[in-house]
Amino acid sequence: MAKINLKNKQTVLTKAQIHKTDTGSPEAQIALLTQSIAHLTKHLKTNPKDYSSRRGLLKKVGKRKALLNYLKSVSLSRYKKVISANNLKG
């Protein structure tokens, strides 16, 4: 399975960053996890018996959910902005 390339990662980060050097904010982390989750989902559709990738996918989904819950408790407006930017269910 191929990793997400650096150019795509930088593109996602520039859209989600709060400031120019931001890589650790919940918004940026959620955007990167969403891209990775989409990539793993696509991979698992063609490789349904790849259980280690499935486990990684579930861990990433859990991490994203935790970050979304944190963001929701801290700032509801930022949470809604992230939900709409990443096409997630809120």
N, C-alpha and C. Protein backbone atom coordinates (compact mmCIF):
# COMPACT_ATOMS: atom_id res chain seq x y z
N MET A 1 0.84 -1.17 0.00
CA MET A 1 0.00 0.00 0.00
C MET A 1 0.89 1.24 0.00
N ALA A 2 0.60 2.16 -0.88
CA ALA A 2 1.40 3.37 -1.01
C ALA A 2 0.99 4.41 0.03
N LYS A 3 1.96 5.10 0.54
CA LYS A 3 1.68 6.18 1.49
C LYS A 3 1.15 7.39 0.72
N ILE A 4 0.50 8.28 1.43
CA ILE A 4 0.02 9.51 0.83
C ILE A 4 1.23 10.37 0.52
N ASN A 5 1.33 10.87 -0.71
CA ASN A 5 2.54 11.58 -1.08
C ASN A 5 2.59 12.97 -0.45
N LEU A 6 3.77 13.52 -0.40
CA LEU A 6 4.04 14.77 0.30
C LEU A 6 3.29 15.95 -0.31
N LYS A 7 3.14 15.96 -1.62
CA LYS A 7 2.45 17.07 -2.29
C LYS A 7 0.99 17.13 -1.85
N ASN A 8 0.32 15.97 -1.80
CA ASN A 8 -1.07 15.95 -1.36
C ASN A 8 -1.18 16.38 0.10
N LYS A 9 -0.23 15.95 0.91
CA LYS A 9 -0.23 16.31 2.33
C LYS A 9 -0.10 17.82 2.50
N GLN A 10 0.81 18.43 1.74
CA GLN A 10 1.00 19.86 1.83
C GLN A 10 -0.22 20.63 1.34
N THR A 11 -0.88 20.11 0.31
CA THR A 11 -2.09 20.75 -0.19
C THR A 11 -3.19 20.74 0.87
N VAL A 12 -3.37 19.59 1.52
CA VAL A 12 -4.38 19.47 2.56
C VAL A 12 -4.05 20.40 3.73
N LEU A 13 -2.78 20.44 4.11
CA LEU A 13 -2.38 21.29 5.23
C LEU A 13 -2.59 22.77 4.94
N THR A 14 -2.29 23.21 3.73
CA THR A 14 -2.45 24.63 3.42
C THR A 14 -3.92 25.06 3.49
N LYS A 15 -4.83 24.15 3.18
CA LYS A 15 -6.25 24.47 3.27
C LYS A 15 -6.74 24.50 4.71
N ALA A 16 -6.15 23.71 5.59
CA ALA A 16 -6.64 23.56 6.95
C ALA A 16 -5.87 24.36 7.99
N GLN A 17 -4.74 24.94 7.61
CA GLN A 17 -3.89 25.62 8.59
C GLN A 17 -4.53 26.89 9.12
N ILE A 18 -4.26 27.16 10.39
CA ILE A 18 -4.71 28.40 11.02
C ILE A 18 -3.70 29.51 10.71
N HIS A 19 -2.43 29.18 10.76
CA HIS A 19 -1.36 30.10 10.38
C HIS A 19 -0.36 29.35 9.53
N LYS A 20 0.63 30.05 9.02
CA LYS A 20 1.52 29.49 7.99
C LYS A 20 2.29 28.24 8.42
N THR A 21 2.73 28.17 9.66
CA THR A 21 3.53 27.03 10.10
C THR A 21 2.72 26.03 10.93
N ASP A 22 1.41 26.09 10.85
CA ASP A 22 0.54 25.24 11.66
C ASP A 22 0.48 23.81 11.12
N THR A 23 0.86 22.86 11.95
CA THR A 23 0.71 21.45 11.60
C THR A 23 0.07 20.66 12.74
N GLY A 24 -0.09 21.28 13.90
CA GLY A 24 -0.55 20.54 15.07
C GLY A 24 -1.93 20.90 15.56
N SER A 25 -2.57 21.86 14.94
CA SER A 25 -3.91 22.24 15.40
C SER A 25 -4.89 21.11 15.10
N PRO A 26 -5.98 21.03 15.86
CA PRO A 26 -6.97 19.98 15.59
C PRO A 26 -7.50 20.03 14.15
N GLU A 27 -7.66 21.24 13.62
CA GLU A 27 -8.16 21.37 12.25
C GLU A 27 -7.22 20.71 11.24
N ALA A 28 -5.93 20.96 11.40
CA ALA A 28 -4.94 20.38 10.48
C ALA A 28 -4.87 18.86 10.65
N GLN A 29 -4.88 18.39 11.89
CA GLN A 29 -4.80 16.96 12.14
C GLN A 29 -6.03 16.23 11.59
N ILE A 30 -7.21 16.83 11.77
CA ILE A 30 -8.44 16.21 11.27
C ILE A 30 -8.43 16.15 9.75
N ALA A 31 -7.93 17.20 9.10
CA ALA A 31 -7.86 17.20 7.64
C ALA A 31 -6.93 16.10 7.13
N LEU A 32 -5.78 15.95 7.76
CA LEU A 32 -4.83 14.90 7.35
C LEU A 32 -5.40 13.51 7.62
N LEU A 33 -6.05 13.33 8.76
CA LEU A 33 -6.64 12.03 9.06
C LEU A 33 -7.77 11.71 8.09
N THR A 34 -8.54 12.71 7.71
CA THR A 34 -9.63 12.48 6.76
C THR A 34 -9.09 12.02 5.42
N GLN A 35 -8.00 12.64 4.96
CA GLN A 35 -7.39 12.23 3.70
C GLN A 35 -6.85 10.79 3.81
N SER A 36 -6.22 10.48 4.91
CA SER A 36 -5.67 9.15 5.11
C SER A 36 -6.77 8.10 5.21
N ILE A 37 -7.87 8.44 5.88
CA ILE A 37 -9.00 7.53 6.00
C ILE A 37 -9.61 7.24 4.64
N ALA A 38 -9.73 8.26 3.81
CA ALA A 38 -10.27 8.06 2.46
C ALA A 38 -9.36 7.14 1.65
N HIS A 39 -8.06 7.33 1.80
CA HIS A 39 -7.09 6.50 1.07
C HIS A 39 -7.17 5.04 1.54
N LEU A 40 -7.24 4.83 2.84
CA LEU A 40 -7.32 3.47 3.37
C LEU A 40 -8.64 2.80 3.00
N THR A 41 -9.72 3.56 2.98
CA THR A 41 -11.02 3.01 2.61
C THR A 41 -10.98 2.51 1.17
N LYS A 42 -10.38 3.31 0.30
CA LYS A 42 -10.24 2.91 -1.11
C LYS A 42 -9.40 1.64 -1.22
N HIS A 43 -8.33 1.58 -0.46
CA HIS A 43 -7.45 0.40 -0.47
C HIS A 43 -8.19 -0.85 0.00
N LEU A 44 -8.99 -0.69 1.05
CA LEU A 44 -9.69 -1.85 1.61
C LEU A 44 -10.83 -2.35 0.74
N LYS A 45 -11.34 -1.50 -0.15
CA LYS A 45 -12.36 -1.96 -1.08
C LYS A 45 -11.78 -2.95 -2.09
N THR A 46 -10.52 -2.76 -2.45
CA THR A 46 -9.87 -3.68 -3.38
C THR A 46 -9.15 -4.83 -2.67
N ASN A 47 -8.84 -4.65 -1.39
CA ASN A 47 -8.12 -5.67 -0.61
C ASN A 47 -8.88 -5.95 0.68
N PRO A 48 -10.01 -6.63 0.62
CA PRO A 48 -10.86 -6.80 1.80
C PRO A 48 -10.25 -7.65 2.92
N LYS A 49 -9.25 -8.45 2.64
CA LYS A 49 -8.65 -9.30 3.67
C LYS A 49 -7.41 -8.69 4.32
N ASP A 50 -7.12 -7.46 4.03
CA ASP A 50 -5.97 -6.78 4.61
C ASP A 50 -6.34 -6.28 6.01
N TYR A 51 -6.22 -7.16 6.98
CA TYR A 51 -6.70 -6.87 8.33
C TYR A 51 -5.83 -5.87 9.07
N SER A 52 -4.54 -5.83 8.77
CA SER A 52 -3.68 -4.86 9.45
C SER A 52 -4.01 -3.44 9.00
N SER A 53 -4.33 -3.27 7.73
CA SER A 53 -4.75 -1.95 7.25
C SER A 53 -6.11 -1.58 7.82
N ARG A 54 -6.99 -2.56 7.99
CA ARG A 54 -8.30 -2.31 8.58
C ARG A 54 -8.14 -1.81 10.02
N ARG A 55 -7.22 -2.42 10.75
CA ARG A 55 -6.97 -2.00 12.12
C ARG A 55 -6.43 -0.58 12.16
N GLY A 56 -5.52 -0.27 11.24
CA GLY A 56 -4.99 1.09 11.15
C GLY A 56 -6.08 2.10 10.82
N LEU A 57 -6.99 1.70 9.93
CA LEU A 57 -8.10 2.56 9.57
C LEU A 57 -8.98 2.85 10.79
N LEU A 58 -9.29 1.82 11.56
CA LEU A 58 -10.13 2.00 12.74
C LEU A 58 -9.45 2.88 13.79
N LYS A 59 -8.13 2.76 13.92
CA LYS A 59 -7.40 3.61 14.85
C LYS A 59 -7.46 5.07 14.42
N LYS A 60 -7.33 5.31 13.11
CA LYS A 60 -7.38 6.67 12.59
C LYS A 60 -8.77 7.28 12.75
N VAL A 61 -9.80 6.46 12.53
CA VAL A 61 -11.17 6.94 12.70
C VAL A 61 -11.41 7.32 14.17
N GLY A 62 -10.91 6.51 15.09
CA GLY A 62 -11.04 6.81 16.50
C GLY A 62 -10.30 8.07 16.90
N LYS A 63 -9.11 8.26 16.36
CA LYS A 63 -8.31 9.45 16.64
C LYS A 63 -9.03 10.70 16.12
N ARG A 64 -9.59 10.59 14.90
CA ARG A 64 -10.31 11.73 14.33
C ARG A 64 -11.54 12.06 15.17
N LYS A 65 -12.24 11.03 15.63
CA LYS A 65 -13.42 11.25 16.46
C LYS A 65 -13.05 11.95 17.76
N ALA A 66 -11.95 11.53 18.36
CA ALA A 66 -11.50 12.16 19.61
C ALA A 66 -11.14 13.63 19.37
N LEU A 67 -10.47 13.91 18.27
CA LEU A 67 -10.12 15.30 17.96
C LEU A 67 -11.37 16.14 17.69
N LEU A 68 -12.35 15.55 17.01
CA LEU A 68 -13.60 16.27 16.76
C LEU A 68 -14.35 16.56 18.06
N ASN A 69 -14.38 15.58 18.97
CA ASN A 69 -15.02 15.79 20.26
C ASN A 69 -14.32 16.90 21.06
N TYR A 70 -13.00 16.90 21.02
CA TYR A 70 -12.23 17.93 21.70
C TYR A 70 -12.55 19.30 21.11
N LEU A 71 -12.53 19.39 19.79
CA LEU A 71 -12.79 20.66 19.13
C LEU A 71 -14.20 21.15 19.41
N LYS A 72 -15.14 20.23 19.48
CA LYS A 72 -16.53 20.58 19.77
C LYS A 72 -16.66 21.16 21.18
N SER A 73 -15.90 20.61 22.13
CA SER A 73 -15.97 21.11 23.50
C SER A 73 -15.26 22.45 23.66
N VAL A 74 -14.26 22.70 22.84
CA VAL A 74 -13.49 23.94 22.96
C VAL A 74 -14.16 25.09 22.20
N SER A 75 -14.53 24.84 20.95
CA SER A 75 -15.09 25.91 20.12
C SER A 75 -16.06 25.32 19.11
N LEU A 76 -17.32 25.57 19.31
CA LEU A 76 -18.36 25.03 18.44
C LEU A 76 -18.26 25.61 17.03
N SER A 77 -17.88 26.86 16.90
CA SER A 77 -17.78 27.47 15.57
C SER A 77 -16.65 26.83 14.76
N ARG A 78 -15.50 26.58 15.40
CA ARG A 78 -14.39 25.90 14.70
C ARG A 78 -14.79 24.48 14.33
N TYR A 79 -15.53 23.81 15.21
CA TYR A 79 -15.99 22.45 14.95
C TYR A 79 -16.88 22.42 13.70
N LYS A 80 -17.84 23.33 13.63
CA LYS A 80 -18.74 23.37 12.48
C LYS A 80 -17.98 23.69 11.19
N LYS A 81 -16.98 24.55 11.30
CA LYS A 81 -16.17 24.90 10.14
C LYS A 81 -15.40 23.68 9.62
N VAL A 82 -14.84 22.89 10.53
CA VAL A 82 -14.09 21.69 10.15
C VAL A 82 -15.01 20.63 9.54
N ILE A 83 -16.19 20.48 10.12
CA ILE A 83 -17.17 19.51 9.62
C ILE A 83 -17.53 19.83 8.17
N SER A 84 -17.81 21.10 7.91
CA SER A 84 -18.20 21.47 6.54
C SER A 84 -17.02 21.42 5.58
N ALA A 85 -15.84 21.78 6.04
CA ALA A 85 -14.66 21.78 5.16
C ALA A 85 -14.25 20.37 4.75
N ASN A 86 -14.46 19.38 5.62
CA ASN A 86 -14.05 18.01 5.33
C ASN A 86 -15.20 17.10 4.91
N ASN A 87 -16.37 17.67 4.71
CA ASN A 87 -17.56 16.91 4.29
C ASN A 87 -17.84 15.75 5.23
N LEU A 88 -17.89 16.03 6.53
CA LEU A 88 -18.16 15.01 7.54
C LEU A 88 -19.56 15.18 8.08
N LYS A 89 -20.08 14.14 8.68
CA LYS A 89 -21.37 14.23 9.33
C LYS A 89 -21.17 14.81 10.71
N GLY A 90 -22.05 15.70 11.11
CA GLY A 90 -21.89 16.37 12.40
C GLY A 90 -22.89 15.98 13.32
